[in-house]
Amino acid sequence: MTSRRQFIQIVPVAGAALLTGREVMAQAMVADKDPQATALGYVSDATKADKAKYKNYAAGQTCGNCALYQGKPADAAGACPLFAGKQVAAKGWCSAYAKKA
């Protein structure tokens, strides 16, 4: 049987382990060949977007200035709700691009 003292000692350690696991998962980058990325036409370098296939692409559009991008403006990568648990490159682009207001 676990005593209250042992329980109180375990809880902070377990919580820290869970938070660390989430940070590691959030740091995984989306690969250009990832099935979700391929479906959305994601590329980690916006200048390499398929302009023939994605007519809505315009020069200057990047994940960093997209409304869905959750990173800070100075970050090299940030979270995107389209790619749960992964980060997109700030210089990337996908067909779901929406200009940030």
C-alpha atoms as a PDB file:
ATOM      1  CA  MET A   1       0.000   0.000   0.000  1.00  0.00           C
ATOM      2  CA  THR A   2       1.325   3.449  -0.950  1.00  0.00           C
ATOM      3  CA  SER A   3       1.475   5.994   1.806  1.00  0.00           C
ATOM      4  CA  ARG A   4       0.387   9.578   1.341  1.00  0.00           C
ATOM      5  CA  ARG A   5       4.012  10.678   1.703  1.00  0.00           C
ATOM      6  CA  GLN A   6       5.120   8.384  -1.147  1.00  0.00           C
ATOM      7  CA  PHE A   7       2.231   9.579  -3.303  1.00  0.00           C
ATOM      8  CA  ILE A   8       3.157  13.243  -2.751  1.00  0.00           C
ATOM      9  CA  GLN A   9       6.751  12.452  -3.741  1.00  0.00           C
ATOM     10  CA  ILE A  10       5.723  10.626  -6.924  1.00  0.00           C
ATOM     11  CA  VAL A  11       3.194  13.143  -8.314  1.00  0.00           C
ATOM     12  CA  PRO A  12       5.669  15.961  -9.177  1.00  0.00           C
ATOM     13  CA  VAL A  13       8.055  13.517 -10.850  1.00  0.00           C
ATOM     14  CA  ALA A  14       5.273  11.948 -12.918  1.00  0.00           C
ATOM     15  CA  GLY A  15       3.940  15.362 -13.914  1.00  0.00           C
ATOM     16  CA  ALA A  16       7.378  16.519 -15.041  1.00  0.00           C
ATOM     17  CA  ALA A  17       7.797  13.354 -17.108  1.00  0.00           C
ATOM     18  CA  LEU A  18       4.469  13.960 -18.851  1.00  0.00           C
ATOM     19  CA  LEU A  19       5.317  17.587 -19.627  1.00  0.00           C
ATOM     20  CA  THR A  20       8.732  16.636 -20.968  1.00  0.00           C
ATOM     21  CA  GLY A  21       7.131  14.027 -23.209  1.00  0.00           C
ATOM     22  CA  ARG A  22       4.751  16.620 -24.649  1.00  0.00           C
ATOM     23  CA  GLU A  23       7.609  19.029 -25.354  1.00  0.00           C
ATOM     24  CA  VAL A  24       9.524  16.337 -27.209  1.00  0.00           C
ATOM     25  CA  MET A  25       6.472  15.415 -29.269  1.00  0.00           C
ATOM     26  CA  ALA A  26       5.822  19.054 -30.119  1.00  0.00           C
ATOM     27  CA  GLN A  27       9.382  19.453 -31.371  1.00  0.00           C
ATOM     28  CA  ALA A  28       9.037  16.841 -34.123  1.00  0.00           C
ATOM     29  CA  MET A  29       9.129  18.487 -37.538  1.00  0.00           C
ATOM     30  CA  VAL A  30       6.706  17.688 -40.327  1.00  0.00           C
ATOM     31  CA  ALA A  31       8.500  15.920 -43.168  1.00  0.00           C
ATOM     32  CA  ASP A  32       7.675  16.957 -46.730  1.00  0.00           C
ATOM     33  CA  LYS A  33       6.895  13.294 -47.497  1.00  0.00           C
ATOM     34  CA  ASP A  34       4.513  12.886 -44.536  1.00  0.00           C
ATOM     35  CA  PRO A  35       1.076  11.726 -45.855  1.00  0.00           C
ATOM     36  CA  GLN A  36      -0.748  14.716 -44.329  1.00  0.00           C
ATOM     37  CA  ALA A  37       1.911  17.086 -45.688  1.00  0.00           C
ATOM     38  CA  THR A  38       1.679  15.570 -49.158  1.00  0.00           C
ATOM     39  CA  ALA A  39      -2.109  15.871 -49.146  1.00  0.00           C
ATOM     40  CA  LEU A  40      -1.850  19.581 -48.296  1.00  0.00           C
ATOM     41  CA  GLY A  41       1.085  20.267 -50.619  1.00  0.00           C
ATOM     42  CA  TYR A  42       3.306  21.204 -47.658  1.00  0.00           C
ATOM     43  CA  VAL A  43       6.927  22.020 -48.382  1.00  0.00           C
ATOM     44  CA  SER A  44       9.460  23.162 -45.799  1.00  0.00           C
ATOM     45  CA  ASP A  45      10.706  25.831 -48.237  1.00  0.00           C
ATOM     46  CA  ALA A  46       7.905  27.942 -49.737  1.00  0.00           C
ATOM     47  CA  THR A  47       9.976  28.760 -52.818  1.00  0.00           C
ATOM     48  CA  LYS A  48       9.737  25.067 -53.771  1.00  0.00           C
ATOM     49  CA  ALA A  49       5.911  24.993 -53.750  1.00  0.00           C
ATOM     50  CA  ASP A  50       4.392  23.440 -56.870  1.00  0.00           C
ATOM     51  CA  LYS A  51       3.101  26.613 -58.525  1.00  0.00           C
ATOM     52  CA  ALA A  52       1.469  24.677 -61.365  1.00  0.00           C
ATOM     53  CA  LYS A  53      -0.531  22.447 -59.013  1.00  0.00           C
ATOM     54  CA  TYR A  54      -1.320  25.115 -56.392  1.00  0.00           C
ATOM     55  CA  LYS A  55      -2.477  28.211 -58.263  1.00  0.00           C
ATOM     56  CA  ASN A  56      -3.296  29.982 -54.984  1.00  0.00           C
ATOM     57  CA  TYR A  57       0.407  30.154 -54.035  1.00  0.00           C
ATOM     58  CA  ALA A  58       1.904  33.643 -54.210  1.00  0.00           C
ATOM     59  CA  ALA A  59       5.464  34.736 -53.518  1.00  0.00           C
ATOM     60  CA  GLY A  60       5.924  35.829 -49.920  1.00  0.00           C
ATOM     61  CA  GLN A  61       3.412  33.368 -48.465  1.00  0.00           C
ATOM     62  CA  THR A  62       5.034  31.310 -45.708  1.00  0.00           C
ATOM     63  CA  CYS A  63       3.884  29.402 -42.660  1.00  0.00           C
ATOM     64  CA  GLY A  64       5.425  32.185 -40.560  1.00  0.00           C
ATOM     65  CA  ASN A  65       2.847  34.699 -41.815  1.00  0.00           C
ATOM     66  CA  CYS A  66      -0.102  32.270 -41.942  1.00  0.00           C
ATOM     67  CA  ALA A  67      -3.070  32.663 -39.575  1.00  0.00           C
ATOM     68  CA  LEU A  68      -2.741  28.988 -38.555  1.00  0.00           C
ATOM     69  CA  TYR A  69       0.929  29.282 -37.510  1.00  0.00           C
ATOM     70  CA  GLN A  70       1.253  29.209 -33.721  1.00  0.00           C
ATOM     71  CA  GLY A  71       4.950  30.002 -33.374  1.00  0.00           C
ATOM     72  CA  LYS A  72       6.455  33.386 -32.609  1.00  0.00           C
ATOM     73  CA  PRO A  73       7.456  35.583 -35.564  1.00  0.00           C
ATOM     74  CA  ALA A  74      11.178  35.097 -34.855  1.00  0.00           C
ATOM     75  CA  ASP A  75      10.927  31.284 -34.466  1.00  0.00           C
ATOM     76  CA  ALA A  76      12.372  29.015 -37.161  1.00  0.00           C
ATOM     77  CA  ALA A  77       9.476  26.595 -36.595  1.00  0.00           C
ATOM     78  CA  GLY A  78       6.173  26.479 -34.790  1.00  0.00           C
ATOM     79  CA  ALA A  79       3.061  24.430 -34.214  1.00  0.00           C
ATOM     80  CA  CYS A  80       0.230  24.215 -36.715  1.00  0.00           C
ATOM     81  CA  PRO A  81      -3.188  22.718 -35.909  1.00  0.00           C
ATOM     82  CA  LEU A  82      -3.179  20.895 -39.263  1.00  0.00           C
ATOM     83  CA  PHE A  83      -0.189  18.810 -38.139  1.00  0.00           C
ATOM     84  CA  ALA A  84      -0.994  17.822 -34.557  1.00  0.00           C
ATOM     85  CA  GLY A  85       2.048  17.196 -32.377  1.00  0.00           C
ATOM     86  CA  LYS A  86       4.495  18.421 -35.026  1.00  0.00           C
ATOM     87  CA  GLN A  87       6.040  21.697 -36.025  1.00  0.00           C
ATOM     88  CA  VAL A  88       6.186  23.305 -39.437  1.00  0.00           C
ATOM     89  CA  ALA A  89       9.056  25.382 -40.763  1.00  0.00           C
ATOM     90  CA  ALA A  90       8.374  29.128 -40.634  1.00  0.00           C
ATOM     91  CA  LYS A  91       9.666  29.287 -44.222  1.00  0.00           C
ATOM     92  CA  GLY A  92       7.318  26.471 -45.284  1.00  0.00           C
ATOM     93  CA  TRP A  93       3.997  26.623 -47.135  1.00  0.00           C
ATOM     94  CA  CYS A  94       0.882  24.494 -47.682  1.00  0.00           C
ATOM     95  CA  SER A  95      -2.355  24.831 -49.620  1.00  0.00           C
ATOM     96  CA  ALA A  96      -4.269  25.746 -46.431  1.00  0.00           C
ATOM     97  CA  TYR A  97      -2.369  29.048 -46.209  1.00  0.00           C
ATOM     98  CA  ALA A  98      -4.490  31.904 -44.851  1.00  0.00           C
ATOM     99  CA  LYS A  99      -2.992  35.374 -44.514  1.00  0.00           C
ATOM    100  CA  LYS A 100      -2.565  36.485 -40.917  1.00  0.00           C
ATOM    101  CA  ALA A 101      -4.723  39.493 -40.064  1.00  0.00           C
END
